[in-house]
Amino acid sequence: MVSGPSRQDGRARRLPTAVKIVVAGGFGVGKTTMVGTVSETRPLRTEELLTDESVGIDDISGVERKKTTTVAMDFGRITIRDDYVLYLFGTPGQERFWFMWDEVALGALGAVVLADTRRLSDCFPSVDYFERRSTPFVVAVNCFEGARQFDLQEIQLALNLGPKVPVMLCDARRMDSCKQVLISLVLHAMKFRGLPEPQNA
């Protein structure tokens, strides 16, 4: 987190606290959609078209209509309050791009792990990654049309999550839903790290 004083028109002005958040999860789970939904600026995307060469490498079962894939990262920004700004970094989901995760996750306050109940096992690598690095995270179950809806406790058990890891439903297409996930993550991460919670979050 970065903040500090700035001077404008002869008056001291405190810069907003900047917080880095990682959005992770399996292929086609909605990471790019989530970053694009909440970003107040035009999000940076590094998407490429899926080609025949990805057949047998990228499993598109359940997401057959997906035509592009993130090959580096997504980036966006959202102002929670005038003095609190989140910078969002979406990771690529496919295994062949996992080598980039260390760079993307460096310095992050915490992470959102997006889950799809049709392909729940796809988020295991993300859960394992953040658990092994003691990075606080929340699991947000993206509500895809036609997907079976599970009780959140079932999700908690299926992913073998600790009792303190928040699990919630979300719709990556809706600003209010995504914003609530991010607020929940910040509060969880602050508590996890023993930091004072932002006032009026």
N, C-alpha and C. Protein backbone atom coordinates (compact mmCIF):
# COMPACT_ATOMS: atom_id res chain seq x y z
N MET A 1 0.85 -1.19 0.00
CA MET A 1 0.00 0.00 0.00
C MET A 1 0.88 1.24 0.00
N VAL A 2 0.49 2.24 -0.77
CA VAL A 2 1.31 3.44 -0.90
C VAL A 2 0.45 4.66 -0.66
N SER A 3 0.92 5.56 0.14
CA SER A 3 0.25 6.84 0.33
C SER A 3 1.27 7.84 0.80
N GLY A 4 0.93 9.10 0.71
CA GLY A 4 1.86 10.13 1.14
C GLY A 4 1.32 11.49 0.85
N PRO A 5 1.99 12.55 1.35
CA PRO A 5 1.50 13.89 1.13
C PRO A 5 1.83 14.41 -0.26
N SER A 6 1.00 15.27 -0.76
CA SER A 6 1.23 15.94 -2.03
C SER A 6 0.90 17.41 -1.83
N ARG A 7 1.50 18.28 -2.63
CA ARG A 7 1.24 19.70 -2.47
C ARG A 7 0.64 20.25 -3.75
N GLN A 8 -0.50 20.88 -3.63
CA GLN A 8 -1.20 21.45 -4.78
C GLN A 8 -1.77 22.80 -4.37
N ASP A 9 -1.50 23.83 -5.16
CA ASP A 9 -1.96 25.19 -4.85
C ASP A 9 -1.50 25.62 -3.46
N GLY A 10 -0.27 25.20 -3.09
CA GLY A 10 0.27 25.63 -1.81
C GLY A 10 -0.29 24.91 -0.61
N ARG A 11 -1.18 23.95 -0.81
CA ARG A 11 -1.77 23.23 0.32
C ARG A 11 -1.38 21.76 0.28
N ALA A 12 -1.11 21.20 1.46
CA ALA A 12 -0.76 19.78 1.54
C ALA A 12 -2.01 18.94 1.31
N ARG A 13 -1.86 17.93 0.47
CA ARG A 13 -2.98 17.03 0.19
C ARG A 13 -2.46 15.60 0.26
N ARG A 14 -3.14 14.77 1.03
CA ARG A 14 -2.70 13.39 1.19
C ARG A 14 -3.14 12.55 0.00
N LEU A 15 -2.19 11.82 -0.57
CA LEU A 15 -2.50 10.95 -1.69
C LEU A 15 -3.34 9.77 -1.20
N PRO A 16 -4.20 9.24 -2.05
CA PRO A 16 -5.01 8.08 -1.63
C PRO A 16 -4.14 6.85 -1.39
N THR A 17 -4.59 6.00 -0.50
CA THR A 17 -3.93 4.72 -0.27
C THR A 17 -4.20 3.82 -1.47
N ALA A 18 -3.13 3.28 -2.05
CA ALA A 18 -3.25 2.42 -3.22
C ALA A 18 -3.03 0.98 -2.79
N VAL A 19 -3.95 0.11 -3.17
CA VAL A 19 -3.91 -1.30 -2.76
C VAL A 19 -3.96 -2.19 -4.00
N LYS A 20 -3.07 -3.17 -4.04
CA LYS A 20 -3.03 -4.11 -5.16
C LYS A 20 -3.82 -5.37 -4.81
N ILE A 21 -4.72 -5.74 -5.70
CA ILE A 21 -5.56 -6.93 -5.55
C ILE A 21 -5.37 -7.83 -6.77
N VAL A 22 -5.24 -9.13 -6.53
CA VAL A 22 -5.14 -10.10 -7.62
C VAL A 22 -6.48 -10.79 -7.81
N VAL A 23 -6.90 -10.96 -9.05
CA VAL A 23 -8.10 -11.72 -9.39
C VAL A 23 -7.65 -12.97 -10.13
N ALA A 24 -7.87 -14.13 -9.51
CA ALA A 24 -7.36 -15.39 -10.05
C ALA A 24 -8.50 -16.39 -10.21
N GLY A 25 -8.15 -17.55 -10.77
CA GLY A 25 -9.14 -18.60 -10.98
C GLY A 25 -8.85 -19.34 -12.28
N GLY A 26 -9.66 -20.31 -12.58
CA GLY A 26 -9.44 -21.14 -13.75
C GLY A 26 -9.76 -20.45 -15.06
N PHE A 27 -9.51 -21.17 -16.14
CA PHE A 27 -9.76 -20.69 -17.49
C PHE A 27 -11.26 -20.45 -17.70
N GLY A 28 -11.61 -19.25 -18.20
CA GLY A 28 -12.99 -18.95 -18.54
C GLY A 28 -13.91 -18.70 -17.37
N VAL A 29 -13.35 -18.41 -16.18
CA VAL A 29 -14.18 -18.27 -14.98
C VAL A 29 -14.77 -16.87 -14.82
N GLY A 30 -14.25 -15.89 -15.58
CA GLY A 30 -14.81 -14.55 -15.51
C GLY A 30 -13.87 -13.48 -14.97
N LYS A 31 -12.58 -13.75 -14.95
CA LYS A 31 -11.62 -12.78 -14.41
C LYS A 31 -11.58 -11.50 -15.22
N THR A 32 -11.47 -11.65 -16.53
CA THR A 32 -11.44 -10.48 -17.40
C THR A 32 -12.74 -9.69 -17.30
N THR A 33 -13.85 -10.40 -17.22
CA THR A 33 -15.16 -9.74 -17.08
C THR A 33 -15.22 -8.94 -15.79
N MET A 34 -14.77 -9.52 -14.68
CA MET A 34 -14.82 -8.84 -13.39
C MET A 34 -13.98 -7.57 -13.39
N VAL A 35 -12.75 -7.68 -13.88
CA VAL A 35 -11.88 -6.50 -13.92
C VAL A 35 -12.50 -5.42 -14.80
N GLY A 36 -13.03 -5.81 -15.93
CA GLY A 36 -13.65 -4.83 -16.83
C GLY A 36 -14.91 -4.21 -16.25
N THR A 37 -15.65 -4.98 -15.46
CA THR A 37 -16.89 -4.48 -14.87
C THR A 37 -16.62 -3.37 -13.86
N VAL A 38 -15.63 -3.57 -13.01
CA VAL A 38 -15.42 -2.62 -11.91
C VAL A 38 -14.45 -1.50 -12.24
N SER A 39 -13.64 -1.67 -13.27
CA SER A 39 -12.62 -0.66 -13.54
C SER A 39 -13.24 0.66 -13.98
N GLU A 40 -12.82 1.73 -13.33
CA GLU A 40 -13.33 3.06 -13.69
C GLU A 40 -12.57 3.66 -14.86
N THR A 41 -11.47 3.02 -15.23
CA THR A 41 -10.74 3.41 -16.43
C THR A 41 -10.86 2.27 -17.43
N ARG A 42 -10.54 2.53 -18.67
CA ARG A 42 -10.56 1.46 -19.66
C ARG A 42 -9.55 0.40 -19.26
N PRO A 43 -9.98 -0.84 -19.01
CA PRO A 43 -9.05 -1.85 -18.52
C PRO A 43 -8.03 -2.24 -19.57
N LEU A 44 -6.82 -2.54 -19.09
CA LEU A 44 -5.79 -3.09 -19.95
C LEU A 44 -6.04 -4.58 -20.08
N ARG A 45 -6.13 -5.06 -21.29
CA ARG A 45 -6.37 -6.49 -21.52
C ARG A 45 -5.31 -7.03 -22.46
N THR A 46 -4.91 -8.27 -22.23
CA THR A 46 -3.94 -8.93 -23.10
C THR A 46 -4.56 -10.23 -23.61
N GLU A 47 -5.67 -10.07 -24.33
CA GLU A 47 -6.41 -11.23 -24.82
C GLU A 47 -6.02 -11.56 -26.26
N GLU A 48 -5.98 -12.84 -26.55
CA GLU A 48 -5.73 -13.32 -27.89
C GLU A 48 -6.83 -14.31 -28.26
N LEU A 49 -7.10 -14.45 -29.55
CA LEU A 49 -8.11 -15.40 -30.01
C LEU A 49 -7.66 -16.83 -29.76
N LEU A 50 -8.60 -17.66 -29.33
CA LEU A 50 -8.32 -19.09 -29.23
C LEU A 50 -8.22 -19.67 -30.64
N THR A 51 -7.23 -20.50 -30.85
CA THR A 51 -7.03 -21.08 -32.18
C THR A 51 -7.08 -22.60 -32.09
N ASP A 52 -7.00 -23.25 -33.25
CA ASP A 52 -7.01 -24.71 -33.29
C ASP A 52 -5.82 -25.30 -32.54
N GLU A 53 -4.74 -24.52 -32.40
CA GLU A 53 -3.55 -25.03 -31.72
C GLU A 53 -3.79 -25.24 -30.23
N SER A 54 -4.85 -24.61 -29.69
CA SER A 54 -5.13 -24.77 -28.26
C SER A 54 -6.00 -25.99 -27.99
N VAL A 55 -6.47 -26.65 -29.04
CA VAL A 55 -7.30 -27.85 -28.87
C VAL A 55 -6.48 -28.93 -28.16
N GLY A 56 -7.05 -29.50 -27.11
CA GLY A 56 -6.34 -30.49 -26.34
C GLY A 56 -5.46 -29.90 -25.25
N ILE A 57 -5.29 -28.58 -25.28
CA ILE A 57 -4.49 -27.90 -24.25
C ILE A 57 -5.41 -27.11 -23.33
N ASP A 58 -6.30 -26.30 -23.93
CA ASP A 58 -7.27 -25.53 -23.16
C ASP A 58 -8.59 -26.27 -23.12
N ASP A 59 -9.05 -26.60 -21.93
CA ASP A 59 -10.33 -27.30 -21.76
C ASP A 59 -11.45 -26.26 -21.76
N ILE A 60 -12.26 -26.24 -22.82
CA ILE A 60 -13.33 -25.26 -22.91
C ILE A 60 -14.69 -25.87 -22.60
N SER A 61 -14.72 -27.07 -22.03
CA SER A 61 -16.01 -27.66 -21.66
C SER A 61 -16.68 -26.79 -20.62
N GLY A 62 -17.93 -26.44 -20.88
CA GLY A 62 -18.67 -25.54 -20.01
C GLY A 62 -18.56 -24.08 -20.42
N VAL A 63 -17.53 -23.77 -21.21
CA VAL A 63 -17.36 -22.39 -21.68
C VAL A 63 -17.11 -22.41 -23.19
N GLU A 64 -17.92 -23.20 -23.90
CA GLU A 64 -17.70 -23.41 -25.32
C GLU A 64 -17.78 -22.14 -26.15
N ARG A 65 -18.49 -21.12 -25.65
CA ARG A 65 -18.64 -19.87 -26.41
C ARG A 65 -17.45 -18.93 -26.23
N LYS A 66 -16.51 -19.29 -25.38
CA LYS A 66 -15.35 -18.44 -25.15
C LYS A 66 -14.46 -18.43 -26.39
N LYS A 67 -14.12 -17.25 -26.89
CA LYS A 67 -13.34 -17.12 -28.12
C LYS A 67 -11.96 -16.54 -27.91
N THR A 68 -11.72 -15.95 -26.72
CA THR A 68 -10.42 -15.33 -26.46
C THR A 68 -9.88 -15.82 -25.12
N THR A 69 -8.60 -15.58 -24.89
CA THR A 69 -7.98 -15.96 -23.63
C THR A 69 -6.94 -14.93 -23.24
N THR A 70 -6.79 -14.71 -21.93
CA THR A 70 -5.78 -13.78 -21.42
C THR A 70 -4.42 -14.46 -21.45
N VAL A 71 -3.42 -13.79 -22.04
CA VAL A 71 -2.09 -14.39 -22.16
C VAL A 71 -1.06 -13.71 -21.27
N ALA A 72 -1.41 -12.62 -20.62
CA ALA A 72 -0.47 -11.97 -19.70
C ALA A 72 -1.21 -11.58 -18.44
N MET A 73 -2.03 -10.53 -18.50
CA MET A 73 -2.81 -10.13 -17.34
C MET A 73 -3.87 -9.13 -17.76
N ASP A 74 -4.83 -8.92 -16.89
CA ASP A 74 -5.79 -7.82 -17.02
C ASP A 74 -5.44 -6.81 -15.94
N PHE A 75 -5.72 -5.55 -16.22
CA PHE A 75 -5.43 -4.51 -15.22
C PHE A 75 -6.55 -3.49 -15.22
N GLY A 76 -7.01 -3.12 -14.01
CA GLY A 76 -8.04 -2.10 -13.88
C GLY A 76 -7.89 -1.37 -12.55
N ARG A 77 -8.69 -0.34 -12.38
CA ARG A 77 -8.62 0.47 -11.16
C ARG A 77 -10.03 0.84 -10.72
N ILE A 78 -10.25 0.83 -9.39
CA ILE A 78 -11.53 1.25 -8.84
C ILE A 78 -11.27 2.06 -7.58
N THR A 79 -11.95 3.19 -7.46
CA THR A 79 -11.86 4.02 -6.26
C THR A 79 -12.98 3.62 -5.32
N ILE A 80 -12.61 3.05 -4.16
CA ILE A 80 -13.60 2.69 -3.15
C ILE A 80 -14.09 3.93 -2.43
N ARG A 81 -13.14 4.80 -2.08
CA ARG A 81 -13.43 6.11 -1.49
C ARG A 81 -12.41 7.09 -2.04
N ASP A 82 -12.56 8.37 -1.73
CA ASP A 82 -11.61 9.36 -2.23
C ASP A 82 -10.19 9.06 -1.79
N ASP A 83 -10.04 8.40 -0.65
CA ASP A 83 -8.70 8.13 -0.12
C ASP A 83 -8.31 6.66 -0.19
N TYR A 84 -9.02 5.87 -1.02
CA TYR A 84 -8.75 4.43 -1.06
C TYR A 84 -8.98 3.91 -2.48
N VAL A 85 -7.89 3.51 -3.14
CA VAL A 85 -7.96 3.07 -4.53
C VAL A 85 -7.43 1.64 -4.65
N LEU A 86 -8.17 0.80 -5.37
CA LEU A 86 -7.73 -0.57 -5.62
C LEU A 86 -7.22 -0.70 -7.05
N TYR A 87 -6.08 -1.34 -7.19
CA TYR A 87 -5.54 -1.68 -8.50
C TYR A 87 -5.70 -3.19 -8.67
N LEU A 88 -6.40 -3.58 -9.72
CA LEU A 88 -6.76 -4.98 -9.93
C LEU A 88 -5.89 -5.61 -11.01
N PHE A 89 -5.33 -6.78 -10.70
CA PHE A 89 -4.51 -7.51 -11.65
C PHE A 89 -5.11 -8.90 -11.83
N GLY A 90 -5.60 -9.18 -13.03
CA GLY A 90 -6.16 -10.49 -13.32
C GLY A 90 -5.11 -11.41 -13.89
N THR A 91 -5.02 -12.63 -13.34
CA THR A 91 -4.02 -13.58 -13.81
C THR A 91 -4.56 -14.41 -14.96
N PRO A 92 -3.68 -14.92 -15.84
CA PRO A 92 -4.13 -15.88 -16.85
C PRO A 92 -4.48 -17.20 -16.18
N GLY A 93 -5.47 -17.91 -16.72
CA GLY A 93 -5.96 -19.11 -16.06
C GLY A 93 -5.30 -20.41 -16.46
N GLN A 94 -4.72 -20.47 -17.68
CA GLN A 94 -4.20 -21.74 -18.14
C GLN A 94 -2.88 -22.10 -17.48
N GLU A 95 -2.65 -23.39 -17.32
CA GLU A 95 -1.45 -23.87 -16.63
C GLU A 95 -0.17 -23.38 -17.29
N ARG A 96 -0.16 -23.26 -18.61
CA ARG A 96 1.09 -22.88 -19.29
C ARG A 96 1.49 -21.43 -18.99
N PHE A 97 0.58 -20.64 -18.39
CA PHE A 97 0.91 -19.26 -18.04
C PHE A 97 1.12 -19.07 -16.54
N TRP A 98 1.12 -20.15 -15.75
CA TRP A 98 1.24 -20.02 -14.30
C TRP A 98 2.57 -19.43 -13.87
N PHE A 99 3.61 -19.55 -14.72
CA PHE A 99 4.91 -19.01 -14.36
C PHE A 99 4.85 -17.50 -14.13
N MET A 100 3.80 -16.84 -14.63
CA MET A 100 3.68 -15.39 -14.49
C MET A 100 3.04 -14.98 -13.17
N TRP A 101 2.46 -15.92 -12.43
CA TRP A 101 1.70 -15.57 -11.25
C TRP A 101 2.55 -14.87 -10.19
N ASP A 102 3.80 -15.31 -10.01
CA ASP A 102 4.64 -14.68 -8.98
C ASP A 102 4.81 -13.19 -9.24
N GLU A 103 4.99 -12.82 -10.51
CA GLU A 103 5.16 -11.41 -10.85
C GLU A 103 3.87 -10.63 -10.63
N VAL A 104 2.75 -11.22 -11.05
CA VAL A 104 1.46 -10.53 -10.92
C VAL A 104 1.07 -10.36 -9.45
N ALA A 105 1.36 -11.37 -8.63
CA ALA A 105 0.91 -11.36 -7.23
C ALA A 105 1.85 -10.61 -6.30
N LEU A 106 3.03 -10.24 -6.77
CA LEU A 106 4.01 -9.58 -5.90
C LEU A 106 3.45 -8.29 -5.30
N GLY A 107 3.47 -8.20 -3.99
CA GLY A 107 3.04 -6.98 -3.30
C GLY A 107 1.54 -6.83 -3.13
N ALA A 108 0.78 -7.87 -3.45
CA ALA A 108 -0.68 -7.77 -3.34
C ALA A 108 -1.14 -7.86 -1.89
N LEU A 109 -2.15 -7.07 -1.55
CA LEU A 109 -2.77 -7.17 -0.22
C LEU A 109 -3.49 -8.49 -0.07
N GLY A 110 -4.13 -8.94 -1.14
CA GLY A 110 -4.90 -10.18 -1.11
C GLY A 110 -5.40 -10.53 -2.50
N ALA A 111 -6.24 -11.57 -2.56
CA ALA A 111 -6.69 -12.07 -3.85
C ALA A 111 -8.15 -12.49 -3.81
N VAL A 112 -8.79 -12.37 -4.96
CA VAL A 112 -10.12 -12.93 -5.19
C VAL A 112 -9.91 -14.17 -6.06
N VAL A 113 -10.38 -15.33 -5.58
CA VAL A 113 -10.36 -16.55 -6.39
C VAL A 113 -11.77 -16.75 -6.92
N LEU A 114 -11.94 -16.58 -8.23
CA LEU A 114 -13.24 -16.80 -8.85
C LEU A 114 -13.44 -18.29 -9.10
N ALA A 115 -14.66 -18.76 -8.83
CA ALA A 115 -14.98 -20.17 -9.01
C ALA A 115 -16.21 -20.32 -9.88
N ASP A 116 -16.25 -21.42 -10.64
CA ASP A 116 -17.38 -21.78 -11.47
C ASP A 116 -17.82 -23.17 -11.03
N THR A 117 -19.06 -23.32 -10.57
CA THR A 117 -19.50 -24.61 -10.03
C THR A 117 -19.51 -25.71 -11.08
N ARG A 118 -19.50 -25.36 -12.36
CA ARG A 118 -19.44 -26.36 -13.41
C ARG A 118 -18.04 -26.96 -13.55
N ARG A 119 -17.05 -26.20 -13.07
CA ARG A 119 -15.64 -26.60 -13.19
C ARG A 119 -14.92 -26.22 -11.89
N LEU A 120 -15.47 -26.65 -10.78
CA LEU A 120 -14.98 -26.20 -9.49
C LEU A 120 -13.51 -26.54 -9.27
N SER A 121 -13.08 -27.68 -9.77
CA SER A 121 -11.69 -28.10 -9.54
C SER A 121 -10.69 -27.16 -10.21
N ASP A 122 -11.14 -26.35 -11.17
CA ASP A 122 -10.23 -25.44 -11.86
C ASP A 122 -9.66 -24.37 -10.95
N CYS A 123 -10.32 -24.12 -9.81
CA CYS A 123 -9.79 -23.08 -8.93
C CYS A 123 -8.87 -23.64 -7.85
N PHE A 124 -8.68 -24.98 -7.83
CA PHE A 124 -7.76 -25.58 -6.85
C PHE A 124 -6.35 -25.00 -6.93
N PRO A 125 -5.78 -24.84 -8.15
CA PRO A 125 -4.41 -24.30 -8.21
C PRO A 125 -4.31 -22.89 -7.60
N SER A 126 -5.32 -22.06 -7.80
CA SER A 126 -5.30 -20.71 -7.23
C SER A 126 -5.39 -20.77 -5.71
N VAL A 127 -6.30 -21.59 -5.19
CA VAL A 127 -6.44 -21.74 -3.75
C VAL A 127 -5.13 -22.22 -3.15
N ASP A 128 -4.53 -23.23 -3.77
CA ASP A 128 -3.27 -23.77 -3.28
C ASP A 128 -2.15 -22.73 -3.34
N TYR A 129 -2.12 -21.96 -4.41
CA TYR A 129 -1.07 -20.95 -4.59
C TYR A 129 -1.11 -19.93 -3.45
N PHE A 130 -2.27 -19.40 -3.16
CA PHE A 130 -2.36 -18.36 -2.14
C PHE A 130 -2.24 -18.93 -0.72
N GLU A 131 -2.71 -20.15 -0.51
CA GLU A 131 -2.54 -20.78 0.80
C GLU A 131 -1.06 -21.00 1.10
N ARG A 132 -0.31 -21.51 0.12
CA ARG A 132 1.11 -21.79 0.33
C ARG A 132 1.91 -20.52 0.59
N ARG A 133 1.45 -19.40 0.09
CA ARG A 133 2.16 -18.13 0.27
C ARG A 133 1.56 -17.29 1.39
N SER A 134 0.62 -17.86 2.12
CA SER A 134 -0.05 -17.15 3.23
C SER A 134 -0.61 -15.80 2.76
N THR A 135 -1.16 -15.79 1.56
CA THR A 135 -1.82 -14.60 1.02
C THR A 135 -3.31 -14.69 1.31
N PRO A 136 -3.87 -13.72 2.01
CA PRO A 136 -5.31 -13.77 2.29
C PRO A 136 -6.13 -13.72 1.00
N PHE A 137 -7.20 -14.51 0.95
CA PHE A 137 -8.03 -14.53 -0.25
C PHE A 137 -9.47 -14.84 0.13
N VAL A 138 -10.37 -14.48 -0.78
CA VAL A 138 -11.77 -14.88 -0.67
C VAL A 138 -12.11 -15.67 -1.92
N VAL A 139 -13.11 -16.53 -1.80
CA VAL A 139 -13.60 -17.28 -2.96
C VAL A 139 -14.94 -16.70 -3.36
N ALA A 140 -15.03 -16.26 -4.61
CA ALA A 140 -16.27 -15.68 -5.15
C ALA A 140 -16.81 -16.62 -6.23
N VAL A 141 -17.99 -17.18 -5.99
CA VAL A 141 -18.59 -18.13 -6.93
C VAL A 141 -19.37 -17.34 -7.96
N ASN A 142 -18.86 -17.33 -9.19
CA ASN A 142 -19.49 -16.59 -10.27
C ASN A 142 -20.75 -17.31 -10.71
N CYS A 143 -21.87 -16.63 -10.71
CA CYS A 143 -23.18 -17.25 -10.97
C CYS A 143 -23.47 -17.29 -12.46
N PHE A 144 -23.01 -18.33 -13.12
CA PHE A 144 -23.27 -18.51 -14.55
C PHE A 144 -24.67 -19.06 -14.76
N GLU A 145 -25.30 -18.62 -15.85
CA GLU A 145 -26.63 -19.11 -16.17
C GLU A 145 -26.58 -20.61 -16.45
N GLY A 146 -27.51 -21.34 -15.86
CA GLY A 146 -27.58 -22.77 -16.09
C GLY A 146 -26.67 -23.61 -15.21
N ALA A 147 -25.80 -22.95 -14.43
CA ALA A 147 -24.89 -23.70 -13.55
C ALA A 147 -25.64 -24.13 -12.30
N ARG A 148 -25.31 -25.30 -11.79
CA ARG A 148 -25.93 -25.77 -10.56
C ARG A 148 -25.50 -24.88 -9.40
N GLN A 149 -26.45 -24.50 -8.58
CA GLN A 149 -26.16 -23.65 -7.43
C GLN A 149 -25.94 -24.51 -6.19
N PHE A 150 -24.80 -24.33 -5.56
CA PHE A 150 -24.45 -25.06 -4.36
C PHE A 150 -24.60 -24.16 -3.14
N ASP A 151 -24.84 -24.79 -1.99
CA ASP A 151 -24.77 -24.07 -0.74
C ASP A 151 -23.32 -23.65 -0.51
N LEU A 152 -23.11 -22.45 0.04
CA LEU A 152 -21.75 -21.95 0.21
C LEU A 152 -20.93 -22.85 1.12
N GLN A 153 -21.58 -23.49 2.08
CA GLN A 153 -20.86 -24.41 2.95
C GLN A 153 -20.36 -25.63 2.17
N GLU A 154 -21.14 -26.04 1.15
CA GLU A 154 -20.71 -27.14 0.30
C GLU A 154 -19.45 -26.75 -0.47
N ILE A 155 -19.42 -25.50 -0.96
CA ILE A 155 -18.25 -25.00 -1.67
C ILE A 155 -17.04 -25.00 -0.74
N GLN A 156 -17.25 -24.53 0.48
CA GLN A 156 -16.18 -24.47 1.48
C GLN A 156 -15.58 -25.86 1.71
N LEU A 157 -16.45 -26.85 1.84
CA LEU A 157 -15.99 -28.21 2.07
C LEU A 157 -15.34 -28.81 0.83
N ALA A 158 -15.92 -28.56 -0.33
CA ALA A 158 -15.40 -29.12 -1.58
C ALA A 158 -13.99 -28.61 -1.88
N LEU A 159 -13.73 -27.35 -1.53
CA LEU A 159 -12.41 -26.76 -1.78
C LEU A 159 -11.47 -26.93 -0.59
N ASN A 160 -11.95 -27.58 0.45
CA ASN A 160 -11.15 -27.82 1.66
C ASN A 160 -10.58 -26.52 2.21
N LEU A 161 -11.44 -25.52 2.31
CA LEU A 161 -11.02 -24.20 2.78
C LEU A 161 -11.08 -24.13 4.30
N GLY A 162 -10.22 -23.32 4.86
CA GLY A 162 -10.27 -23.07 6.29
C GLY A 162 -11.54 -22.32 6.64
N PRO A 163 -12.00 -22.42 7.88
CA PRO A 163 -13.27 -21.80 8.27
C PRO A 163 -13.27 -20.28 8.19
N LYS A 164 -12.09 -19.67 8.15
CA LYS A 164 -12.00 -18.21 8.13
C LYS A 164 -11.93 -17.63 6.71
N VAL A 165 -11.87 -18.51 5.70
CA VAL A 165 -11.83 -18.02 4.32
C VAL A 165 -13.24 -17.69 3.86
N PRO A 166 -13.53 -16.41 3.57
CA PRO A 166 -14.88 -16.04 3.13
C PRO A 166 -15.22 -16.65 1.78
N VAL A 167 -16.45 -17.15 1.65
CA VAL A 167 -16.97 -17.66 0.38
C VAL A 167 -18.29 -16.94 0.12
N MET A 168 -18.45 -16.43 -1.09
CA MET A 168 -19.65 -15.66 -1.41
C MET A 168 -20.04 -15.85 -2.87
N LEU A 169 -21.28 -15.55 -3.16
CA LEU A 169 -21.75 -15.56 -4.54
C LEU A 169 -21.47 -14.22 -5.17
N CYS A 170 -21.28 -14.21 -6.49
CA CYS A 170 -21.11 -12.94 -7.19
C CYS A 170 -21.55 -13.09 -8.64
N ASP A 171 -21.76 -11.95 -9.26
CA ASP A 171 -22.03 -11.90 -10.69
C ASP A 171 -20.99 -10.96 -11.28
N ALA A 172 -20.03 -11.52 -12.00
CA ALA A 172 -18.91 -10.73 -12.52
C ALA A 172 -19.34 -9.65 -13.51
N ARG A 173 -20.60 -9.67 -13.92
CA ARG A 173 -21.10 -8.66 -14.87
C ARG A 173 -21.69 -7.46 -14.17
N ARG A 174 -21.87 -7.55 -12.84
CA ARG A 174 -22.55 -6.49 -12.10
C ARG A 174 -21.59 -5.74 -11.19
N MET A 175 -21.57 -4.42 -11.33
CA MET A 175 -20.68 -3.59 -10.54
C MET A 175 -20.90 -3.75 -9.05
N ASP A 176 -22.17 -3.71 -8.60
CA ASP A 176 -22.43 -3.78 -7.16
C ASP A 176 -21.97 -5.10 -6.57
N SER A 177 -22.14 -6.18 -7.31
CA SER A 177 -21.73 -7.50 -6.84
C SER A 177 -20.20 -7.59 -6.74
N CYS A 178 -19.51 -7.15 -7.78
CA CYS A 178 -18.05 -7.19 -7.78
C CYS A 178 -17.47 -6.29 -6.69
N LYS A 179 -18.06 -5.12 -6.53
CA LYS A 179 -17.56 -4.19 -5.52
C LYS A 179 -17.70 -4.77 -4.12
N GLN A 180 -18.80 -5.48 -3.86
CA GLN A 180 -18.99 -6.09 -2.55
C GLN A 180 -17.94 -7.16 -2.29
N VAL A 181 -17.60 -7.93 -3.32
CA VAL A 181 -16.55 -8.94 -3.19
C VAL A 181 -15.22 -8.28 -2.82
N LEU A 182 -14.90 -7.18 -3.50
CA LEU A 182 -13.63 -6.50 -3.25
C LEU A 182 -13.58 -5.90 -1.85
N ILE A 183 -14.69 -5.33 -1.41
CA ILE A 183 -14.74 -4.77 -0.05
C ILE A 183 -14.55 -5.88 0.98
N SER A 184 -15.21 -7.02 0.75
CA SER A 184 -15.07 -8.16 1.66
C SER A 184 -13.63 -8.64 1.71
N LEU A 185 -12.97 -8.67 0.55
CA LEU A 185 -11.57 -9.09 0.52
C LEU A 185 -10.69 -8.13 1.32
N VAL A 186 -10.86 -6.82 1.09
CA VAL A 186 -10.02 -5.84 1.79
C VAL A 186 -10.18 -5.98 3.30
N LEU A 187 -11.42 -6.11 3.77
CA LEU A 187 -11.66 -6.24 5.21
C LEU A 187 -11.04 -7.53 5.75
N HIS A 188 -11.19 -8.63 4.99
CA HIS A 188 -10.61 -9.91 5.39
C HIS A 188 -9.09 -9.83 5.43
N ALA A 189 -8.49 -9.21 4.39
CA ALA A 189 -7.04 -9.13 4.32
C ALA A 189 -6.46 -8.26 5.42
N MET A 190 -7.15 -7.16 5.73
CA MET A 190 -6.69 -6.28 6.80
C MET A 190 -6.68 -7.04 8.13
N LYS A 191 -7.76 -7.78 8.39
CA LYS A 191 -7.84 -8.55 9.63
C LYS A 191 -6.79 -9.65 9.65
N PHE A 192 -6.60 -10.32 8.52
CA PHE A 192 -5.62 -11.40 8.39
C PHE A 192 -4.21 -10.89 8.70
N ARG A 193 -3.90 -9.68 8.23
CA ARG A 193 -2.57 -9.12 8.40
C ARG A 193 -2.43 -8.28 9.67
N GLY A 194 -3.51 -8.18 10.45
CA GLY A 194 -3.44 -7.41 11.68
C GLY A 194 -3.36 -5.92 11.45
N LEU A 195 -3.92 -5.45 10.33
CA LEU A 195 -3.90 -4.02 9.99
C LEU A 195 -5.23 -3.38 10.38
N PRO A 196 -5.21 -2.08 10.67
CA PRO A 196 -6.49 -1.41 10.97
C PRO A 196 -7.38 -1.35 9.74
N GLU A 197 -8.65 -1.64 9.92
CA GLU A 197 -9.58 -1.62 8.80
C GLU A 197 -9.84 -0.20 8.34
N PRO A 198 -10.06 0.01 7.03
CA PRO A 198 -10.41 1.35 6.56
C PRO A 198 -11.71 1.81 7.19
N GLN A 199 -11.76 3.05 7.57
CA GLN A 199 -12.99 3.57 8.17
C GLN A 199 -14.06 3.76 7.10
N ASN A 200 -15.32 3.41 7.46
CA ASN A 200 -16.47 3.61 6.56
C ASN A 200 -16.29 2.88 5.25
N ALA A 201 -15.73 1.67 5.30
CA ALA A 201 -15.51 0.89 4.07
C ALA A 201 -16.84 0.51 3.44
